[in-house]
PDB file of all heavy atoms in Angstrom:
ATOM      1  N   VAL A   1     -14.353  -0.746 -17.461  1.00  0.00           N
ATOM      2  CA  VAL A   1     -14.555  -1.117 -16.062  1.00  0.00           C
ATOM      3  C   VAL A   1     -13.232  -1.183 -15.307  1.00  0.00           C
ATOM      4  O   VAL A   1     -12.266  -1.788 -15.769  1.00  0.00           O
ATOM      5  CB  VAL A   1     -15.272  -2.476 -15.948  1.00  0.00           C
ATOM      6  CG1 VAL A   1     -15.530  -2.822 -14.488  1.00  0.00           C
ATOM      7  CG2 VAL A   1     -16.586  -2.468 -16.728  1.00  0.00           C
ATOM      8  N   THR A   2     -13.200  -0.567 -14.143  1.00  0.00           N
ATOM      9  CA  THR A   2     -12.075  -0.670 -13.221  1.00  0.00           C
ATOM     10  C   THR A   2     -12.574  -1.316 -11.939  1.00  0.00           C
ATOM     11  O   THR A   2     -13.587  -0.885 -11.381  1.00  0.00           O
ATOM     12  CB  THR A   2     -11.483   0.719 -12.895  1.00  0.00           C
ATOM     13  OG1 THR A   2     -11.029   1.342 -14.089  1.00  0.00           O
ATOM     14  CG2 THR A   2     -10.336   0.601 -11.908  1.00  0.00           C
ATOM     15  N   ILE A   3     -11.889  -2.366 -11.498  1.00  0.00           N
ATOM     16  CA  ILE A   3     -12.217  -3.002 -10.218  1.00  0.00           C
ATOM     17  C   ILE A   3     -11.207  -2.551  -9.175  1.00  0.00           C
ATOM     18  O   ILE A   3      -9.999  -2.699  -9.365  1.00  0.00           O
ATOM     19  CB  ILE A   3     -12.194  -4.537 -10.329  1.00  0.00           C
ATOM     20  CG1 ILE A   3     -13.216  -5.026 -11.360  1.00  0.00           C
ATOM     21  CG2 ILE A   3     -12.474  -5.176  -8.972  1.00  0.00           C
ATOM     22  CD1 ILE A   3     -13.230  -6.538 -11.528  1.00  0.00           C
ATOM     23  N   CYS A   4     -11.707  -1.993  -8.092  1.00  0.00           N
ATOM     24  CA  CYS A   4     -10.844  -1.568  -6.983  1.00  0.00           C
ATOM     25  C   CYS A   4     -11.052  -2.499  -5.791  1.00  0.00           C
ATOM     26  O   CYS A   4     -12.113  -3.104  -5.632  1.00  0.00           O
ATOM     27  CB  CYS A   4     -11.173  -0.136  -6.570  1.00  0.00           C
ATOM     28  SG  CYS A   4     -10.793   1.098  -7.821  1.00  0.00           S
ATOM     29  N   HIS A   5     -10.025  -2.592  -4.946  1.00  0.00           N
ATOM     30  CA  HIS A   5     -10.090  -3.476  -3.785  1.00  0.00           C
ATOM     31  C   HIS A   5      -9.140  -2.948  -2.713  1.00  0.00           C
ATOM     32  O   HIS A   5      -8.624  -1.822  -2.826  1.00  0.00           O
ATOM     33  CB  HIS A   5      -9.753  -4.912  -4.189  1.00  0.00           C
ATOM     34  CG  HIS A   5      -8.545  -5.023  -5.066  1.00  0.00           C
ATOM     35  ND1 HIS A   5      -7.260  -4.920  -4.588  1.00  0.00           N
ATOM     36  CD2 HIS A   5      -8.440  -5.213  -6.404  1.00  0.00           C
ATOM     37  CE1 HIS A   5      -6.403  -5.057  -5.570  1.00  0.00           C
ATOM     38  NE2 HIS A   5      -7.094  -5.229  -6.705  1.00  0.00           N
ATOM     39  N   SER A   6      -8.904  -3.767  -1.682  1.00  0.00           N
ATOM     40  CA  SER A   6      -8.137  -3.307  -0.524  1.00  0.00           C
ATOM     41  C   SER A   6      -6.688  -2.964  -0.852  1.00  0.00           C
ATOM     42  O   SER A   6      -6.034  -2.233  -0.109  1.00  0.00           O
ATOM     43  CB  SER A   6      -8.168  -4.381   0.578  1.00  0.00           C
ATOM     44  OG  SER A   6      -7.621  -5.604   0.100  1.00  0.00           O
ATOM     45  N   ARG A   7      -6.169  -3.458  -1.970  1.00  0.00           N
ATOM     46  CA  ARG A   7      -4.779  -3.176  -2.336  1.00  0.00           C
ATOM     47  C   ARG A   7      -4.673  -2.065  -3.395  1.00  0.00           C
ATOM     48  O   ARG A   7      -3.578  -1.822  -3.909  1.00  0.00           O
ATOM     49  CB  ARG A   7      -4.116  -4.444  -2.880  1.00  0.00           C
ATOM     50  CG  ARG A   7      -4.007  -5.582  -1.851  1.00  0.00           C
ATOM     51  CD  ARG A   7      -3.074  -5.218  -0.718  1.00  0.00           C
ATOM     52  NE  ARG A   7      -2.899  -6.317   0.212  1.00  0.00           N
ATOM     53  CZ  ARG A   7      -1.954  -7.234   0.118  1.00  0.00           C
ATOM     54  NH1 ARG A   7      -1.094  -7.194  -0.881  1.00  0.00           N
ATOM     55  NH2 ARG A   7      -1.847  -8.198   1.015  1.00  0.00           N
ATOM     56  N   THR A   8      -5.764  -1.415  -3.710  1.00  0.00           N
ATOM     57  CA  THR A   8      -5.726  -0.335  -4.706  1.00  0.00           C
ATOM     58  C   THR A   8      -5.103   0.916  -4.084  1.00  0.00           C
ATOM     59  O   THR A   8      -5.622   1.444  -3.094  1.00  0.00           O
ATOM     60  CB  THR A   8      -7.140  -0.002  -5.213  1.00  0.00           C
ATOM     61  OG1 THR A   8      -7.717  -1.166  -5.805  1.00  0.00           O
ATOM     62  CG2 THR A   8      -7.106   1.117  -6.237  1.00  0.00           C
ATOM     63  N   PRO A   9      -3.990   1.415  -4.648  1.00  0.00           N
ATOM     64  CA  PRO A   9      -3.382   2.626  -4.091  1.00  0.00           C
ATOM     65  C   PRO A   9      -4.173   3.874  -4.476  1.00  0.00           C
ATOM     66  O   PRO A   9      -4.749   3.947  -5.562  1.00  0.00           O
ATOM     67  CB  PRO A   9      -1.984   2.632  -4.720  1.00  0.00           C
ATOM     68  CG  PRO A   9      -2.149   1.887  -6.000  1.00  0.00           C
ATOM     69  CD  PRO A   9      -3.206   0.845  -5.768  1.00  0.00           C
ATOM     70  N   ASP A  10      -4.196   4.844  -3.561  1.00  0.00           N
ATOM     71  CA  ASP A  10      -4.858   6.134  -3.792  1.00  0.00           C
ATOM     72  C   ASP A  10      -6.261   5.932  -4.361  1.00  0.00           C
ATOM     73  O   ASP A  10      -6.598   6.412  -5.452  1.00  0.00           O
ATOM     74  CB  ASP A  10      -4.024   7.008  -4.724  1.00  0.00           C
ATOM     75  CG  ASP A  10      -4.476   8.461  -4.702  1.00  0.00           C
ATOM     76  OD1 ASP A  10      -5.331   8.814  -3.865  1.00  0.00           O
ATOM     77  OD2 ASP A  10      -3.985   9.235  -5.542  1.00  0.00           O
ATOM     78  N   LEU A  11      -7.076   5.211  -3.603  1.00  0.00           N
ATOM     79  CA  LEU A  11      -8.423   4.859  -4.044  1.00  0.00           C
ATOM     80  C   LEU A  11      -9.266   6.073  -4.459  1.00  0.00           C
ATOM     81  O   LEU A  11      -9.926   6.028  -5.505  1.00  0.00           O
ATOM     82  CB  LEU A  11      -9.130   4.071  -2.935  1.00  0.00           C
ATOM     83  CG  LEU A  11     -10.556   3.604  -3.216  1.00  0.00           C
ATOM     84  CD1 LEU A  11     -10.588   2.654  -4.396  1.00  0.00           C
ATOM     85  CD2 LEU A  11     -11.146   2.933  -1.966  1.00  0.00           C
ATOM     86  N   PRO A  12      -9.263   7.177  -3.710  1.00  0.00           N
ATOM     87  CA  PRO A  12     -10.109   8.317  -4.109  1.00  0.00           C
ATOM     88  C   PRO A  12      -9.783   8.843  -5.500  1.00  0.00           C
ATOM     89  O   PRO A  12     -10.690   9.304  -6.216  1.00  0.00           O
ATOM     90  CB  PRO A  12      -9.816   9.371  -3.032  1.00  0.00           C
ATOM     91  CG  PRO A  12      -9.393   8.581  -1.840  1.00  0.00           C
ATOM     92  CD  PRO A  12      -8.629   7.421  -2.394  1.00  0.00           C
ATOM     93  N   SER A  13      -8.523   8.780  -5.900  1.00  0.00           N
ATOM     94  CA  SER A  13      -8.173   9.288  -7.224  1.00  0.00           C
ATOM     95  C   SER A  13      -8.792   8.430  -8.325  1.00  0.00           C
ATOM     96  O   SER A  13      -9.062   8.917  -9.429  1.00  0.00           O
ATOM     97  CB  SER A  13      -6.649   9.331  -7.402  1.00  0.00           C
ATOM     98  OG  SER A  13      -6.094   8.027  -7.501  1.00  0.00           O
ATOM     99  N   VAL A  14      -9.020   7.150  -8.030  1.00  0.00           N
ATOM    100  CA  VAL A  14      -9.652   6.262  -9.004  1.00  0.00           C
ATOM    101  C   VAL A  14     -11.162   6.445  -8.996  1.00  0.00           C
ATOM    102  O   VAL A  14     -11.797   6.563 -10.055  1.00  0.00           O
ATOM    103  CB  VAL A  14      -9.298   4.788  -8.708  1.00  0.00           C
ATOM    104  CG1 VAL A  14      -9.947   3.867  -9.744  1.00  0.00           C
ATOM    105  CG2 VAL A  14      -7.791   4.585  -8.694  1.00  0.00           C
ATOM    106  N   THR A  15     -11.756   6.490  -7.813  1.00  0.00           N
ATOM    107  CA  THR A  15     -13.213   6.608  -7.737  1.00  0.00           C
ATOM    108  C   THR A  15     -13.712   7.932  -8.305  1.00  0.00           C
ATOM    109  O   THR A  15     -14.817   7.999  -8.843  1.00  0.00           O
ATOM    110  CB  THR A  15     -13.704   6.444  -6.288  1.00  0.00           C
ATOM    111  OG1 THR A  15     -13.125   7.475  -5.460  1.00  0.00           O
ATOM    112  CG2 THR A  15     -13.312   5.083  -5.738  1.00  0.00           C
ATOM    113  N   ARG A  16     -12.888   8.966  -8.207  1.00  0.00           N
ATOM    114  CA  ARG A  16     -13.317  10.275  -8.738  1.00  0.00           C
ATOM    115  C   ARG A  16     -13.325  10.312 -10.268  1.00  0.00           C
ATOM    116  O   ARG A  16     -13.809  11.280 -10.854  1.00  0.00           O
ATOM    117  CB  ARG A  16     -12.417  11.381  -8.185  1.00  0.00           C
ATOM    118  CG  ARG A  16     -12.767  11.785  -6.762  1.00  0.00           C
ATOM    119  CD  ARG A  16     -12.098  13.095  -6.379  1.00  0.00           C
ATOM    120  NE  ARG A  16     -10.648  12.954  -6.272  1.00  0.00           N
ATOM    121  CZ  ARG A  16      -9.994  12.696  -5.149  1.00  0.00           C
ATOM    122  NH1 ARG A  16     -10.675  12.541  -4.015  1.00  0.00           N
ATOM    123  NH2 ARG A  16      -8.677  12.592  -5.133  1.00  0.00           N
ATOM    124  N   GLN A  17     -12.802   9.267 -10.907  1.00  0.00           N
ATOM    125  CA  GLN A  17     -12.852   9.183 -12.362  1.00  0.00           C
ATOM    126  C   GLN A  17     -14.135   8.507 -12.858  1.00  0.00           C
ATOM    127  O   GLN A  17     -14.411   8.508 -14.057  1.00  0.00           O
ATOM    128  CB  GLN A  17     -11.661   8.387 -12.886  1.00  0.00           C
ATOM    129  CG  GLN A  17     -10.306   8.976 -12.568  1.00  0.00           C
ATOM    130  CD  GLN A  17      -9.188   8.057 -13.023  1.00  0.00           C
ATOM    131  OE1 GLN A  17      -9.250   7.453 -14.085  1.00  0.00           O
ATOM    132  NE2 GLN A  17      -8.135   7.948 -12.217  1.00  0.00           N
ATOM    133  N   ALA A  18     -14.909   7.952 -11.952  1.00  0.00           N
ATOM    134  CA  ALA A  18     -16.040   7.108 -12.331  1.00  0.00           C
ATOM    135  C   ALA A  18     -17.250   7.924 -12.762  1.00  0.00           C
ATOM    136  O   ALA A  18     -17.692   8.822 -12.039  1.00  0.00           O
ATOM    137  CB  ALA A  18     -16.420   6.200 -11.167  1.00  0.00           C
ATOM    138  N   ASP A  19     -17.791   7.569 -13.924  1.00  0.00           N
ATOM    139  CA  ASP A  19     -19.104   8.086 -14.309  1.00  0.00           C
ATOM    140  C   ASP A  19     -20.198   7.343 -13.542  1.00  0.00           C
ATOM    141  O   ASP A  19     -21.251   7.900 -13.242  1.00  0.00           O
ATOM    142  CB  ASP A  19     -19.332   7.898 -15.815  1.00  0.00           C
ATOM    143  CG  ASP A  19     -18.267   8.573 -16.654  1.00  0.00           C
ATOM    144  OD1 ASP A  19     -18.055   9.789 -16.452  1.00  0.00           O
ATOM    145  OD2 ASP A  19     -17.644   7.897 -17.490  1.00  0.00           O
ATOM    146  N   ILE A  20     -19.908   6.068 -13.267  1.00  0.00           N
ATOM    147  CA  ILE A  20     -20.814   5.225 -12.480  1.00  0.00           C
ATOM    148  C   ILE A  20     -19.975   4.519 -11.430  1.00  0.00           C
ATOM    149  O   ILE A  20     -18.977   3.864 -11.755  1.00  0.00           O
ATOM    150  CB  ILE A  20     -21.545   4.193 -13.367  1.00  0.00           C
ATOM    151  CG1 ILE A  20     -22.365   4.908 -14.449  1.00  0.00           C
ATOM    152  CG2 ILE A  20     -22.433   3.288 -12.523  1.00  0.00           C
ATOM    153  CD1 ILE A  20     -22.918   3.978 -15.514  1.00  0.00           C
ATOM    154  N   LEU A  21     -20.368   4.648 -10.184  1.00  0.00           N
ATOM    155  CA  LEU A  21     -19.625   4.064  -9.063  1.00  0.00           C
ATOM    156  C   LEU A  21     -20.505   3.011  -8.407  1.00  0.00           C
ATOM    157  O   LEU A  21     -21.636   3.294  -8.002  1.00  0.00           O
ATOM    158  CB  LEU A  21     -19.262   5.154  -8.056  1.00  0.00           C
ATOM    159  CG  LEU A  21     -18.449   4.772  -6.828  1.00  0.00           C
ATOM    160  CD1 LEU A  21     -17.045   4.361  -7.217  1.00  0.00           C
ATOM    161  CD2 LEU A  21     -18.395   5.938  -5.837  1.00  0.00           C
ATOM    162  N   ILE A  22     -19.996   1.777  -8.302  1.00  0.00           N
ATOM    163  CA  ILE A  22     -20.742   0.680  -7.686  1.00  0.00           C
ATOM    164  C   ILE A  22     -19.976   0.212  -6.461  1.00  0.00           C
ATOM    165  O   ILE A  22     -18.863  -0.314  -6.584  1.00  0.00           O
ATOM    166  CB  ILE A  22     -20.948  -0.474  -8.687  1.00  0.00           C
ATOM    167  CG1 ILE A  22     -21.714   0.029  -9.912  1.00  0.00           C
ATOM    168  CG2 ILE A  22     -21.682  -1.640  -8.029  1.00  0.00           C
ATOM    169  CD1 ILE A  22     -21.828  -0.979 -11.040  1.00  0.00           C
ATOM    170  N   ALA A  23     -20.543   0.422  -5.288  1.00  0.00           N
ATOM    171  CA  ALA A  23     -19.846   0.159  -4.026  1.00  0.00           C
ATOM    172  C   ALA A  23     -20.342  -1.137  -3.409  1.00  0.00           C
ATOM    173  O   ALA A  23     -21.539  -1.284  -3.122  1.00  0.00           O
ATOM    174  CB  ALA A  23     -20.064   1.325  -3.053  1.00  0.00           C
ATOM    175  N   ALA A  24     -19.424  -2.081  -3.203  1.00  0.00           N
ATOM    176  CA  ALA A  24     -19.792  -3.376  -2.620  1.00  0.00           C
ATOM    177  C   ALA A  24     -18.617  -3.932  -1.833  1.00  0.00           C
ATOM    178  O   ALA A  24     -18.017  -4.947  -2.198  1.00  0.00           O
ATOM    179  CB  ALA A  24     -20.214  -4.349  -3.713  1.00  0.00           C
ATOM    180  N   ILE A  25     -18.273  -3.275  -0.730  1.00  0.00           N
ATOM    181  CA  ILE A  25     -17.132  -3.734   0.074  1.00  0.00           C
ATOM    182  C   ILE A  25     -17.499  -4.072   1.517  1.00  0.00           C
ATOM    183  O   ILE A  25     -16.695  -4.648   2.240  1.00  0.00           O
ATOM    184  CB  ILE A  25     -15.992  -2.691   0.083  1.00  0.00           C
ATOM    185  CG1 ILE A  25     -16.456  -1.380   0.724  1.00  0.00           C
ATOM    186  CG2 ILE A  25     -15.465  -2.457  -1.310  1.00  0.00           C
ATOM    187  CD1 ILE A  25     -15.313  -0.455   1.047  1.00  0.00           C
ATOM    188  N   GLY A  26     -18.710  -3.709   1.951  1.00  0.00           N
ATOM    189  CA  GLY A  26     -19.142  -4.080   3.291  1.00  0.00           C
ATOM    190  C   GLY A  26     -18.556  -3.246   4.407  1.00  0.00           C
ATOM    191  O   GLY A  26     -18.360  -3.746   5.518  1.00  0.00           O
ATOM    192  N   LYS A  27     -18.288  -1.970   4.137  1.00  0.00           N
ATOM    193  CA  LYS A  27     -17.802  -1.057   5.165  1.00  0.00           C
ATOM    194  C   LYS A  27     -18.757   0.127   5.267  1.00  0.00           C
ATOM    195  O   LYS A  27     -18.907   0.885   4.307  1.00  0.00           O
ATOM    196  CB  LYS A  27     -16.384  -0.563   4.841  1.00  0.00           C
ATOM    197  CG  LYS A  27     -15.332  -1.662   4.886  1.00  0.00           C
ATOM    198  CD  LYS A  27     -13.939  -1.101   4.692  1.00  0.00           C
ATOM    199  CE  LYS A  27     -12.879  -2.186   4.801  1.00  0.00           C
ATOM    200  NZ  LYS A  27     -11.509  -1.631   4.638  1.00  0.00           N
ATOM    201  N   PRO A  28     -19.412   0.303   6.415  1.00  0.00           N
ATOM    202  CA  PRO A  28     -20.452   1.328   6.526  1.00  0.00           C
ATOM    203  C   PRO A  28     -19.932   2.740   6.274  1.00  0.00           C
ATOM    204  O   PRO A  28     -18.916   3.155   6.829  1.00  0.00           O
ATOM    205  CB  PRO A  28     -20.962   1.176   7.960  1.00  0.00           C
ATOM    206  CG  PRO A  28     -19.909   0.412   8.689  1.00  0.00           C
ATOM    207  CD  PRO A  28     -19.246  -0.447   7.672  1.00  0.00           C
ATOM    208  N   LYS A  29     -20.634   3.434   5.369  1.00  0.00           N
ATOM    209  CA  LYS A  29     -20.369   4.843   5.046  1.00  0.00           C
ATOM    210  C   LYS A  29     -18.907   5.105   4.690  1.00  0.00           C
ATOM    211  O   LYS A  29     -18.371   6.179   4.957  1.00  0.00           O
ATOM    212  CB  LYS A  29     -20.799   5.742   6.207  1.00  0.00           C
ATOM    213  CG  LYS A  29     -22.294   5.710   6.482  1.00  0.00           C
ATOM    214  CD  LYS A  29     -22.689   6.757   7.520  1.00  0.00           C
ATOM    215  CE  LYS A  29     -24.179   6.797   7.728  1.00  0.00           C
ATOM    216  NZ  LYS A  29     -24.589   7.859   8.679  1.00  0.00           N
ATOM    217  N   PHE A  30     -18.267   4.122   4.060  1.00  0.00           N
ATOM    218  CA  PHE A  30     -16.849   4.249   3.723  1.00  0.00           C
ATOM    219  C   PHE A  30     -16.621   5.314   2.659  1.00  0.00           C
ATOM    220  O   PHE A  30     -15.641   6.068   2.708  1.00  0.00           O
ATOM    221  CB  PHE A  30     -16.317   2.896   3.239  1.00  0.00           C
ATOM    222  CG  PHE A  30     -14.872   2.904   2.847  1.00  0.00           C
ATOM    223  CD1 PHE A  30     -13.880   2.729   3.791  1.00  0.00           C
ATOM    224  CD2 PHE A  30     -14.499   3.090   1.521  1.00  0.00           C
ATOM    225  CE1 PHE A  30     -12.538   2.736   3.437  1.00  0.00           C
ATOM    226  CE2 PHE A  30     -13.162   3.096   1.151  1.00  0.00           C
ATOM    227  CZ  PHE A  30     -12.170   2.928   2.109  1.00  0.00           C
ATOM    228  N   PHE A  31     -17.515   5.370   1.681  1.00  0.00           N
ATOM    229  CA  PHE A  31     -17.329   6.288   0.558  1.00  0.00           C
ATOM    230  C   PHE A  31     -17.992   7.623   0.844  1.00  0.00           C
ATOM    231  O   PHE A  31     -19.199   7.728   0.988  1.00  0.00           O
ATOM    232  CB  PHE A  31     -17.854   5.658  -0.736  1.00  0.00           C
ATOM    233  CG  PHE A  31     -17.067   4.433  -1.121  1.00  0.00           C
ATOM    234  CD1 PHE A  31     -17.541   3.176  -0.826  1.00  0.00           C
ATOM    235  CD2 PHE A  31     -15.823   4.550  -1.717  1.00  0.00           C
ATOM    236  CE1 PHE A  31     -16.803   2.051  -1.142  1.00  0.00           C
ATOM    237  CE2 PHE A  31     -15.070   3.431  -2.033  1.00  0.00           C
ATOM    238  CZ  PHE A  31     -15.565   2.180  -1.749  1.00  0.00           C
ATOM    239  N   THR A  32     -17.159   8.633   0.911  1.00  0.00           N
ATOM    240  CA  THR A  32     -17.611   9.970   1.262  1.00  0.00           C
ATOM    241  C   THR A  32     -17.759  10.825   0.003  1.00  0.00           C
ATOM    242  O   THR A  32     -17.344  10.435  -1.092  1.00  0.00           O
ATOM    243  CB  THR A  32     -16.608  10.619   2.228  1.00  0.00           C
ATOM    244  OG1 THR A  32     -15.282  10.531   1.671  1.00  0.00           O
ATOM    245  CG2 THR A  32     -16.618   9.890   3.567  1.00  0.00           C
ATOM    246  N   ALA A  33     -18.326  11.995   0.167  1.00  0.00           N
ATOM    247  CA  ALA A  33     -18.644  12.852  -0.974  1.00  0.00           C
ATOM    248  C   ALA A  33     -17.403  13.223  -1.779  1.00  0.00           C
ATOM    249  O   ALA A  33     -17.470  13.353  -3.013  1.00  0.00           O
ATOM    250  CB  ALA A  33     -19.351  14.110  -0.480  1.00  0.00           C
ATOM    251  N   ASP A  34     -16.264  13.387  -1.110  1.00  0.00           N
ATOM    252  CA  ASP A  34     -15.057  13.810  -1.825  1.00  0.00           C
ATOM    253  C   ASP A  34     -14.443  12.691  -2.665  1.00  0.00           C
ATOM    254  O   ASP A  34     -13.475  12.925  -3.395  1.00  0.00           O
ATOM    255  CB  ASP A  34     -14.014  14.369  -0.847  1.00  0.00           C
ATOM    256  CG  ASP A  34     -13.553  13.333   0.168  1.00  0.00           C
ATOM    257  OD1 ASP A  34     -14.261  12.313   0.356  1.00  0.00           O
ATOM    258  OD2 ASP A  34     -12.486  13.530   0.770  1.00  0.00           O
ATOM    259  N   MET A  35     -15.007  11.488  -2.598  1.00  0.00           N
ATOM    260  CA  MET A  35     -14.531  10.372  -3.407  1.00  0.00           C
ATOM    261  C   MET A  35     -15.388  10.166  -4.659  1.00  0.00           C
ATOM    262  O   MET A  35     -15.157   9.230  -5.431  1.00  0.00           O
ATOM    263  CB  MET A  35     -14.522   9.076  -2.576  1.00  0.00           C
ATOM    264  CG  MET A  35     -13.626   9.131  -1.348  1.00  0.00           C
ATOM    265  SD  MET A  35     -13.793   7.662  -0.277  1.00  0.00           S
ATOM    266  CE  MET A  35     -12.999   6.416  -1.277  1.00  0.00           C
ATOM    267  N   ILE A  36     -16.364  11.050  -4.852  1.00  0.00           N
ATOM    268  CA  ILE A  36     -17.330  10.884  -5.931  1.00  0.00           C
ATOM    269  C   ILE A  36     -17.216  12.027  -6.929  1.00  0.00           C
ATOM    270  O   ILE A  36     -17.156  13.201  -6.545  1.00  0.00           O
ATOM    271  CB  ILE A  36     -18.763  10.831  -5.364  1.00  0.00           C
ATOM    272  CG1 ILE A  36     -18.910   9.644  -4.401  1.00  0.00           C
ATOM    273  CG2 ILE A  36     -19.801  10.731  -6.487  1.00  0.00           C
ATOM    274  CD1 ILE A  36     -20.180   9.677  -3.586  1.00  0.00           C
ATOM    275  N   LYS A  37     -17.183  11.684  -8.191  1.00  0.00           N
ATOM    276  CA  LYS A  37     -17.169  12.674  -9.264  1.00  0.00           C
ATOM    277  C   LYS A  37     -18.526  13.382  -9.314  1.00  0.00           C
ATOM    278  O   LYS A  37     -19.564  12.726  -9.315  1.00  0.00           O
ATOM    279  CB  LYS A  37     -16.893  11.967 -10.594  1.00  0.00           C
ATOM    280  CG  LYS A  37     -16.927  12.837 -11.823  1.00  0.00           C
ATOM    281  CD  LYS A  37     -16.684  11.959 -13.063  1.00  0.00           C
ATOM    282  CE  LYS A  37     -16.766  12.743 -14.346  1.00  0.00           C
ATOM    283  NZ  LYS A  37     -16.529  11.864 -15.534  1.00  0.00           N
TER     284      LYS A  37
END
């Protein structure tokens, strides 16, 4: 498990490693297709 937050550098590079991505930050449509493996 990797926990990402507002201080995580280069967030897309981390999210693209995820087999399972769980989004819970409260920002509408923040995660776009290019951030998903």
